[in-house]
Amino acid sequence: MTSKIDPTFIRPYGDTMNDGRIQISFSMPVKADESGKEAARQLLKQMGLEEIEICYINDLTEGFAHIVCYANTNAFVDITKIQVKTVDTPVMGMDENDEFIEKNIGRKLTVIGACIESDAHTVGIDAIMNMKGYNHRYGLERYKYINAVNMGAQVLSEDLLAKARELNADAVLVSQIVTQKNIHIQNLTRLIEMAEAEGLRNKMLFVCGGPRITHELAIELGYDAGFGAGSYSTDVASFISIELAKRQNK
């Protein structure tokens, strides 16, 4: 099956390969009635979609509706021309990582993590930092050669940097789950600018993560690495350990 796929012509499919069938879900300030359906249909037509089928519409609250539909697109991508910046560090398990640190760095690493500013969602930073970890991967608190300090939620950038300076941290991890109106961009940018102003930026690694974080975005914002959805403690720990070893042995 895969041998018949043309990588220069990749399109969504529903029933048959390359039929362009997609499912779309969105909300609109309309009533969940026939006029609301038609408003959604006309909107999708203006987006260039064809064979539109409104299969679900329901009230969210008065005057607002949630809509699910199917439609066809003629758009396609050539994946042979796609280039994506990713963290290409080999991923090590916890024990292997500890052995690597012991052999190549020779001391415990101090890693500080937090959800900064107004973000109160610790699920991301906890999955990386907490001892129990997530999905059969222990968090950094369980690593023998990592001193993990999880500052929790709604930590001011000033306080995070003060703790990093106090503990002479090797790496700072920042989690941003809340992304409405690109507030994560503002928060992450402010932290890096403060770190540069305080002379800390080049003294430690700065790593960010969250559902809308990519490695490419992180690099653009001035971070050393970025980890999005599907990343684990092993990914983060491996990057920190290998990158610090490289810098130490230059």
C-alpha atoms as a PDB file:
ATOM      1  CA  MET A   1       0.000   0.000   0.000  1.00  0.00           C
ATOM      2  CA  THR A   2       2.649   2.527   1.037  1.00  0.00           C
ATOM      3  CA  SER A   3       4.745   1.711  -2.023  1.00  0.00           C
ATOM      4  CA  LYS A   4       1.977   3.165  -4.211  1.00  0.00           C
ATOM      5  CA  ILE A   5       1.899   6.515  -2.388  1.00  0.00           C
ATOM      6  CA  ASP A   6       3.323   9.475  -4.307  1.00  0.00           C
ATOM      7  CA  PRO A   7       5.189  11.609  -1.738  1.00  0.00           C
ATOM      8  CA  THR A   8       4.907  14.633  -4.039  1.00  0.00           C
ATOM      9  CA  PHE A   9       1.103  14.447  -3.947  1.00  0.00           C
ATOM     10  CA  ILE A  10      -0.233  13.950  -0.417  1.00  0.00           C
ATOM     11  CA  ARG A  11      -3.873  14.716   0.255  1.00  0.00           C
ATOM     12  CA  PRO A  12      -6.323  13.802   3.054  1.00  0.00           C
ATOM     13  CA  TYR A  13      -8.568  10.834   2.435  1.00  0.00           C
ATOM     14  CA  GLY A  14     -11.764   9.416   3.869  1.00  0.00           C
ATOM     15  CA  ASP A  15     -13.163   6.626   1.712  1.00  0.00           C
ATOM     16  CA  THR A  16     -10.507   6.283  -0.984  1.00  0.00           C
ATOM     17  CA  MET A  17      -6.914   7.423  -1.301  1.00  0.00           C
ATOM     18  CA  ASN A  18      -6.515  11.116  -2.198  1.00  0.00           C
ATOM     19  CA  ASP A  19     -10.255  11.828  -2.246  1.00  0.00           C
ATOM     20  CA  GLY A  20      -9.586  14.953  -0.176  1.00  0.00           C
ATOM     21  CA  ARG A  21     -12.297  14.158   2.388  1.00  0.00           C
ATOM     22  CA  ILE A  22     -11.813  15.959   5.710  1.00  0.00           C
ATOM     23  CA  GLN A  23     -13.732  16.421   8.946  1.00  0.00           C
ATOM     24  CA  ILE A  24     -14.000  19.915  10.403  1.00  0.00           C
ATOM     25  CA  SER A  25     -15.249  21.004  13.803  1.00  0.00           C
ATOM     26  CA  PHE A  26     -15.798  24.627  14.826  1.00  0.00           C
ATOM     27  CA  SER A  27     -18.113  27.000  16.664  1.00  0.00           C
ATOM     28  CA  MET A  28     -19.990  30.023  15.335  1.00  0.00           C
ATOM     29  CA  PRO A  29     -22.190  32.743  16.857  1.00  0.00           C
ATOM     30  CA  VAL A  30     -25.334  31.347  15.175  1.00  0.00           C
ATOM     31  CA  LYS A  31     -28.389  29.383  16.244  1.00  0.00           C
ATOM     32  CA  ALA A  32     -28.351  25.602  15.882  1.00  0.00           C
ATOM     33  CA  ASP A  33     -30.999  25.611  13.159  1.00  0.00           C
ATOM     34  CA  GLU A  34     -31.213  25.518   9.362  1.00  0.00           C
ATOM     35  CA  SER A  35     -29.958  29.085   9.023  1.00  0.00           C
ATOM     36  CA  GLY A  36     -26.968  28.181  11.186  1.00  0.00           C
ATOM     37  CA  LYS A  37     -26.253  25.176   8.972  1.00  0.00           C
ATOM     38  CA  GLU A  38     -26.410  27.331   5.866  1.00  0.00           C
ATOM     39  CA  ALA A  39     -24.090  29.910   7.418  1.00  0.00           C
ATOM     40  CA  ALA A  40     -21.559  27.161   8.078  1.00  0.00           C
ATOM     41  CA  ARG A  41     -21.997  25.766   4.567  1.00  0.00           C
ATOM     42  CA  GLN A  42     -21.412  29.156   2.935  1.00  0.00           C
ATOM     43  CA  LEU A  43     -18.359  29.758   5.097  1.00  0.00           C
ATOM     44  CA  LEU A  44     -16.823  26.459   4.006  1.00  0.00           C
ATOM     45  CA  LYS A  45     -17.600  27.219   0.360  1.00  0.00           C
ATOM     46  CA  GLN A  46     -15.657  30.474   0.702  1.00  0.00           C
ATOM     47  CA  MET A  47     -12.738  28.407   1.997  1.00  0.00           C
ATOM     48  CA  GLY A  48     -12.709  26.522  -1.300  1.00  0.00           C
ATOM     49  CA  LEU A  49     -14.183  23.298   0.065  1.00  0.00           C
ATOM     50  CA  GLU A  50     -16.572  21.118  -1.940  1.00  0.00           C
ATOM     51  CA  GLU A  51     -19.195  18.414  -1.305  1.00  0.00           C
ATOM     52  CA  ILE A  52     -19.993  19.941   2.076  1.00  0.00           C
ATOM     53  CA  GLU A  53     -22.089  17.923   4.505  1.00  0.00           C
ATOM     54  CA  ILE A  54     -23.163  19.436   7.838  1.00  0.00           C
ATOM     55  CA  CYS A  55     -23.553  16.289   9.916  1.00  0.00           C
ATOM     56  CA  TYR A  56     -23.953  17.822  13.386  1.00  0.00           C
ATOM     57  CA  ILE A  57     -25.027  21.134  14.877  1.00  0.00           C
ATOM     58  CA  ASN A  58     -25.885  21.770  18.503  1.00  0.00           C
ATOM     59  CA  ASP A  59     -26.381  24.744  20.826  1.00  0.00           C
ATOM     60  CA  LEU A  60     -23.415  25.698  22.974  1.00  0.00           C
ATOM     61  CA  THR A  61     -25.432  28.454  24.616  1.00  0.00           C
ATOM     62  CA  GLU A  62     -28.031  30.879  23.347  1.00  0.00           C
ATOM     63  CA  GLY A  63     -26.942  32.209  19.957  1.00  0.00           C
ATOM     64  CA  PHE A  64     -23.861  30.003  19.682  1.00  0.00           C
ATOM     65  CA  ALA A  65     -23.539  26.630  17.960  1.00  0.00           C
ATOM     66  CA  HIS A  66     -21.002  23.828  17.657  1.00  0.00           C
ATOM     67  CA  ILE A  67     -20.796  22.422  14.148  1.00  0.00           C
ATOM     68  CA  VAL A  68     -19.206  19.275  12.711  1.00  0.00           C
ATOM     69  CA  CYS A  69     -19.068  18.722   8.971  1.00  0.00           C
ATOM     70  CA  TYR A  70     -17.423  16.766   6.171  1.00  0.00           C
ATOM     71  CA  ALA A  71     -16.073  18.329   2.997  1.00  0.00           C
ATOM     72  CA  ASN A  72     -13.597  17.779   0.185  1.00  0.00           C
ATOM     73  CA  THR A  73     -10.427  19.767  -0.470  1.00  0.00           C
ATOM     74  CA  ASN A  74      -8.401  19.918  -3.662  1.00  0.00           C
ATOM     75  CA  ALA A  75      -5.276  21.000  -1.779  1.00  0.00           C
ATOM     76  CA  PHE A  76      -2.252  18.708  -1.535  1.00  0.00           C
ATOM     77  CA  VAL A  77       1.324  18.861  -0.241  1.00  0.00           C
ATOM     78  CA  ASP A  78       4.672  17.645  -1.510  1.00  0.00           C
ATOM     79  CA  ILE A  79       6.355  16.151   1.561  1.00  0.00           C
ATOM     80  CA  THR A  80       9.677  15.821  -0.277  1.00  0.00           C
ATOM     81  CA  LYS A  81       9.997  19.607  -0.008  1.00  0.00           C
ATOM     82  CA  ILE A  82       9.104  19.841   3.695  1.00  0.00           C
ATOM     83  CA  GLN A  83      11.877  20.643   6.141  1.00  0.00           C
ATOM     84  CA  VAL A  84      11.156  20.754   9.870  1.00  0.00           C
ATOM     85  CA  LYS A  85      13.523  21.703  12.679  1.00  0.00           C
ATOM     86  CA  THR A  86      13.474  18.990  15.328  1.00  0.00           C
ATOM     87  CA  VAL A  87      15.520  18.003  18.359  1.00  0.00           C
ATOM     88  CA  ASP A  88      17.783  15.315  16.896  1.00  0.00           C
ATOM     89  CA  THR A  89      19.411  14.224  20.150  1.00  0.00           C
ATOM     90  CA  PRO A  90      19.398  10.426  20.709  1.00  0.00           C
ATOM     91  CA  VAL A  91      16.922   9.470  23.435  1.00  0.00           C
ATOM     92  CA  MET A  92      18.257   7.552  26.435  1.00  0.00           C
ATOM     93  CA  GLY A  93      16.390   5.757  29.195  1.00  0.00           C
ATOM     94  CA  MET A  94      16.767   6.914  32.804  1.00  0.00           C
ATOM     95  CA  ASP A  95      19.547   4.508  33.806  1.00  0.00           C
ATOM     96  CA  GLU A  96      21.456   5.100  30.585  1.00  0.00           C
ATOM     97  CA  ASN A  97      21.100   8.839  31.048  1.00  0.00           C
ATOM     98  CA  ASP A  98      22.453   8.671  34.594  1.00  0.00           C
ATOM     99  CA  GLU A  99      25.432   6.680  33.376  1.00  0.00           C
ATOM    100  CA  PHE A 100      26.015   9.212  30.620  1.00  0.00           C
ATOM    101  CA  ILE A 101      26.019  12.131  33.064  1.00  0.00           C
ATOM    102  CA  GLU A 102      28.347  10.330  35.466  1.00  0.00           C
ATOM    103  CA  LYS A 103      30.818   9.471  32.707  1.00  0.00           C
ATOM    104  CA  ASN A 104      30.698  12.634  30.607  1.00  0.00           C
ATOM    105  CA  ILE A 105      29.900  15.405  33.082  1.00  0.00           C
ATOM    106  CA  GLY A 106      30.865  13.910  36.422  1.00  0.00           C
ATOM    107  CA  ARG A 107      28.396  15.676  38.685  1.00  0.00           C
ATOM    108  CA  LYS A 108      24.681  16.107  39.357  1.00  0.00           C
ATOM    109  CA  LEU A 109      22.801  18.461  37.063  1.00  0.00           C
ATOM    110  CA  THR A 110      20.372  20.990  38.512  1.00  0.00           C
ATOM    111  CA  VAL A 111      17.208  21.427  36.472  1.00  0.00           C
ATOM    112  CA  ILE A 112      14.491  23.916  37.446  1.00  0.00           C
ATOM    113  CA  GLY A 113      10.999  23.762  35.953  1.00  0.00           C
ATOM    114  CA  ALA A 114       7.833  25.853  36.199  1.00  0.00           C
ATOM    115  CA  CYS A 115       4.640  27.035  34.551  1.00  0.00           C
ATOM    116  CA  ILE A 116       5.251  30.752  34.320  1.00  0.00           C
ATOM    117  CA  GLU A 117       3.080  33.836  34.753  1.00  0.00           C
ATOM    118  CA  SER A 118      -0.704  33.210  34.730  1.00  0.00           C
ATOM    119  CA  ASP A 119      -0.498  29.583  33.563  1.00  0.00           C
ATOM    120  CA  ALA A 120      -1.873  27.295  36.283  1.00  0.00           C
ATOM    121  CA  HIS A 121      -1.770  24.043  34.311  1.00  0.00           C
ATOM    122  CA  THR A 122       0.988  21.823  35.695  1.00  0.00           C
ATOM    123  CA  VAL A 123       0.170  18.654  33.767  1.00  0.00           C
ATOM    124  CA  GLY A 124       3.008  19.241  31.318  1.00  0.00           C
ATOM    125  CA  ILE A 125       5.778  20.193  33.717  1.00  0.00           C
ATOM    126  CA  ASP A 126       4.686  17.475  36.155  1.00  0.00           C
ATOM    127  CA  ALA A 127       4.910  14.816  33.446  1.00  0.00           C
ATOM    128  CA  ILE A 128       8.528  15.829  32.885  1.00  0.00           C
ATOM    129  CA  MET A 129       9.634  16.618  36.433  1.00  0.00           C
ATOM    130  CA  ASN A 130       7.639  14.553  38.936  1.00  0.00           C
ATOM    131  CA  MET A 131       9.149  11.294  40.140  1.00  0.00           C
ATOM    132  CA  LYS A 132       6.295   9.146  38.849  1.00  0.00           C
ATOM    133  CA  GLY A 133       6.561  10.704  35.395  1.00  0.00           C
ATOM    134  CA  TYR A 134       4.112   9.746  32.667  1.00  0.00           C
ATOM    135  CA  ASN A 135       3.398   6.757  30.435  1.00  0.00           C
ATOM    136  CA  HIS A 136       6.012   4.434  31.961  1.00  0.00           C
ATOM    137  CA  ARG A 137       8.758   7.061  31.868  1.00  0.00           C
ATOM    138  CA  TYR A 138       9.978   8.323  35.232  1.00  0.00           C
ATOM    139  CA  GLY A 139      10.287  12.062  35.747  1.00  0.00           C
ATOM    140  CA  LEU A 140      13.552  13.894  36.370  1.00  0.00           C
ATOM    141  CA  GLU A 141      13.087  13.762  40.157  1.00  0.00           C
ATOM    142  CA  ARG A 142      13.845  10.051  39.983  1.00  0.00           C
ATOM    143  CA  TYR A 143      17.128  10.444  38.093  1.00  0.00           C
ATOM    144  CA  LYS A 144      20.183   9.787  40.262  1.00  0.00           C
ATOM    145  CA  TYR A 145      22.271  12.460  38.589  1.00  0.00           C
ATOM    146  CA  ILE A 146      19.637  15.177  38.242  1.00  0.00           C
ATOM    147  CA  ASN A 147      18.577  17.542  41.007  1.00  0.00           C
ATOM    148  CA  ALA A 148      15.074  18.415  39.781  1.00  0.00           C
ATOM    149  CA  VAL A 149      13.303  21.441  41.279  1.00  0.00           C
ATOM    150  CA  ASN A 150       9.656  21.812  40.250  1.00  0.00           C
ATOM    151  CA  MET A 151       8.397  25.270  41.208  1.00  0.00           C
ATOM    152  CA  GLY A 152       4.844  24.513  40.082  1.00  0.00           C
ATOM    153  CA  ALA A 153       2.289  26.878  38.583  1.00  0.00           C
ATOM    154  CA  GLN A 154       1.888  30.623  38.114  1.00  0.00           C
ATOM    155  CA  VAL A 155       5.551  31.310  38.813  1.00  0.00           C
ATOM    156  CA  LEU A 156       6.688  34.808  37.946  1.00  0.00           C
ATOM    157  CA  SER A 157       9.561  34.939  35.482  1.00  0.00           C
ATOM    158  CA  GLU A 158      11.480  37.026  38.006  1.00  0.00           C
ATOM    159  CA  ASP A 159      11.111  34.323  40.655  1.00  0.00           C
ATOM    160  CA  LEU A 160      12.106  31.534  38.272  1.00  0.00           C
ATOM    161  CA  LEU A 161      15.282  33.333  37.235  1.00  0.00           C
ATOM    162  CA  ALA A 162      16.073  34.212  40.849  1.00  0.00           C
ATOM    163  CA  LYS A 163      15.853  30.517  41.787  1.00  0.00           C
ATOM    164  CA  ALA A 164      17.960  29.566  38.777  1.00  0.00           C
ATOM    165  CA  ARG A 165      20.644  32.021  39.858  1.00  0.00           C
ATOM    166  CA  GLU A 166      20.449  30.898  43.493  1.00  0.00           C
ATOM    167  CA  LEU A 167      20.919  27.218  42.637  1.00  0.00           C
ATOM    168  CA  ASN A 168      23.336  27.840  39.762  1.00  0.00           C
ATOM    169  CA  ALA A 169      21.014  25.834  37.532  1.00  0.00           C
ATOM    170  CA  ASP A 170      22.218  23.943  34.501  1.00  0.00           C
ATOM    171  CA  ALA A 171      18.841  24.092  32.759  1.00  0.00           C
ATOM    172  CA  VAL A 172      15.516  25.915  33.058  1.00  0.00           C
ATOM    173  CA  LEU A 173      12.340  24.211  31.828  1.00  0.00           C
ATOM    174  CA  VAL A 174       9.263  26.298  31.062  1.00  0.00           C
ATOM    175  CA  SER A 175       5.813  24.854  30.398  1.00  0.00           C
ATOM    176  CA  GLN A 176       3.053  26.823  28.682  1.00  0.00           C
ATOM    177  CA  ILE A 177      -0.339  25.160  28.329  1.00  0.00           C
ATOM    178  CA  VAL A 178      -2.516  28.280  28.093  1.00  0.00           C
ATOM    179  CA  THR A 179      -2.126  29.748  24.598  1.00  0.00           C
ATOM    180  CA  GLN A 180      -5.158  31.985  24.030  1.00  0.00           C
ATOM    181  CA  LYS A 181      -4.263  35.089  22.045  1.00  0.00           C
ATOM    182  CA  ASN A 182      -0.692  33.795  21.867  1.00  0.00           C
ATOM    183  CA  ILE A 183      -0.047  34.609  25.525  1.00  0.00           C
ATOM    184  CA  HIS A 184       2.540  31.803  25.538  1.00  0.00           C
ATOM    185  CA  ILE A 185       4.594  33.728  22.987  1.00  0.00           C
ATOM    186  CA  GLN A 186       4.539  36.835  25.162  1.00  0.00           C
ATOM    187  CA  ASN A 187       5.456  34.933  28.323  1.00  0.00           C
ATOM    188  CA  LEU A 188       8.282  32.966  26.725  1.00  0.00           C
ATOM    189  CA  THR A 189       9.697  36.057  25.033  1.00  0.00           C
ATOM    190  CA  ARG A 190       9.635  38.036  28.265  1.00  0.00           C
ATOM    191  CA  LEU A 191      11.481  35.299  30.159  1.00  0.00           C
ATOM    192  CA  ILE A 192      14.279  35.108  27.607  1.00  0.00           C
ATOM    193  CA  GLU A 193      14.623  38.884  27.445  1.00  0.00           C
ATOM    194  CA  MET A 194      14.893  39.003  31.235  1.00  0.00           C
ATOM    195  CA  ALA A 195      17.462  36.190  31.236  1.00  0.00           C
ATOM    196  CA  GLU A 196      19.553  38.070  28.685  1.00  0.00           C
ATOM    197  CA  ALA A 197      19.292  41.297  30.660  1.00  0.00           C
ATOM    198  CA  GLU A 198      20.409  39.535  33.841  1.00  0.00           C
ATOM    199  CA  GLY A 199      23.315  37.790  32.136  1.00  0.00           C
ATOM    200  CA  LEU A 200      21.862  34.295  32.644  1.00  0.00           C
ATOM    201  CA  ARG A 201      20.967  33.323  29.106  1.00  0.00           C
ATOM    202  CA  ASN A 202      24.344  31.874  28.175  1.00  0.00           C
ATOM    203  CA  LYS A 203      25.017  30.336  31.580  1.00  0.00           C
ATOM    204  CA  MET A 204      22.309  27.660  31.396  1.00  0.00           C
ATOM    205  CA  LEU A 205      20.049  25.857  28.956  1.00  0.00           C
ATOM    206  CA  PHE A 206      16.558  27.235  28.414  1.00  0.00           C
ATOM    207  CA  VAL A 207      13.976  24.701  27.236  1.00  0.00           C
ATOM    208  CA  CYS A 208      10.253  25.263  26.695  1.00  0.00           C
ATOM    209  CA  GLY A 209       7.345  22.901  26.122  1.00  0.00           C
ATOM    210  CA  GLY A 210       3.612  22.785  25.594  1.00  0.00           C
ATOM    211  CA  PRO A 211       0.881  21.790  23.119  1.00  0.00           C
ATOM    212  CA  ARG A 212       1.662  24.622  20.714  1.00  0.00           C
ATOM    213  CA  ILE A 213       5.421  24.560  21.151  1.00  0.00           C
ATOM    214  CA  THR A 214       7.669  23.303  18.369  1.00  0.00           C
ATOM    215  CA  HIS A 215      11.445  23.142  18.280  1.00  0.00           C
ATOM    216  CA  GLU A 216      11.430  25.664  15.458  1.00  0.00           C
ATOM    217  CA  LEU A 217       9.312  28.131  17.454  1.00  0.00           C
ATOM    218  CA  ALA A 218      11.518  27.666  20.519  1.00  0.00           C
ATOM    219  CA  ILE A 219      14.654  28.464  18.518  1.00  0.00           C
ATOM    220  CA  GLU A 220      12.986  31.566  17.053  1.00  0.00           C
ATOM    221  CA  LEU A 221      12.131  32.770  20.563  1.00  0.00           C
ATOM    222  CA  GLY A 222      15.708  32.312  21.753  1.00  0.00           C
ATOM    223  CA  TYR A 223      15.486  28.947  23.530  1.00  0.00           C
ATOM    224  CA  ASP A 224      17.842  26.022  23.147  1.00  0.00           C
ATOM    225  CA  ALA A 225      15.070  23.519  22.444  1.00  0.00           C
ATOM    226  CA  GLY A 226      11.317  23.092  22.350  1.00  0.00           C
ATOM    227  CA  PHE A 227       9.216  20.006  23.032  1.00  0.00           C
ATOM    228  CA  GLY A 228       5.583  19.712  21.959  1.00  0.00           C
ATOM    229  CA  ALA A 229       2.785  17.230  22.505  1.00  0.00           C
ATOM    230  CA  GLY A 230       3.992  13.629  22.697  1.00  0.00           C
ATOM    231  CA  SER A 231       7.312  14.498  24.328  1.00  0.00           C
ATOM    232  CA  TYR A 232       8.496  12.690  27.453  1.00  0.00           C
ATOM    233  CA  SER A 233      10.954  13.149  30.292  1.00  0.00           C
ATOM    234  CA  THR A 234      13.438  10.926  28.465  1.00  0.00           C
ATOM    235  CA  ASP A 235      13.443  13.317  25.490  1.00  0.00           C
ATOM    236  CA  VAL A 236      14.086  16.347  27.674  1.00  0.00           C
ATOM    237  CA  ALA A 237      16.650  14.677  29.948  1.00  0.00           C
ATOM    238  CA  SER A 238      18.585  13.299  26.980  1.00  0.00           C
ATOM    239  CA  PHE A 239      18.769  16.692  25.287  1.00  0.00           C
ATOM    240  CA  ILE A 240      19.922  18.434  28.472  1.00  0.00           C
ATOM    241  CA  SER A 241      22.566  15.827  29.288  1.00  0.00           C
ATOM    242  CA  ILE A 242      24.036  15.534  25.803  1.00  0.00           C
ATOM    243  CA  GLU A 243      23.997  19.277  25.126  1.00  0.00           C
ATOM    244  CA  LEU A 244      25.661  20.105  28.448  1.00  0.00           C
ATOM    245  CA  ALA A 245      28.297  17.422  27.847  1.00  0.00           C
ATOM    246  CA  LYS A 246      29.054  18.943  24.444  1.00  0.00           C
ATOM    247  CA  ARG A 247      29.469  22.404  25.926  1.00  0.00           C
ATOM    248  CA  GLN A 248      31.612  21.190  28.805  1.00  0.00           C
ATOM    249  CA  ASN A 249      33.962  19.278  26.523  1.00  0.00           C
ATOM    250  CA  LYS A 250      34.474  21.998  23.944  1.00  0.00           C
END
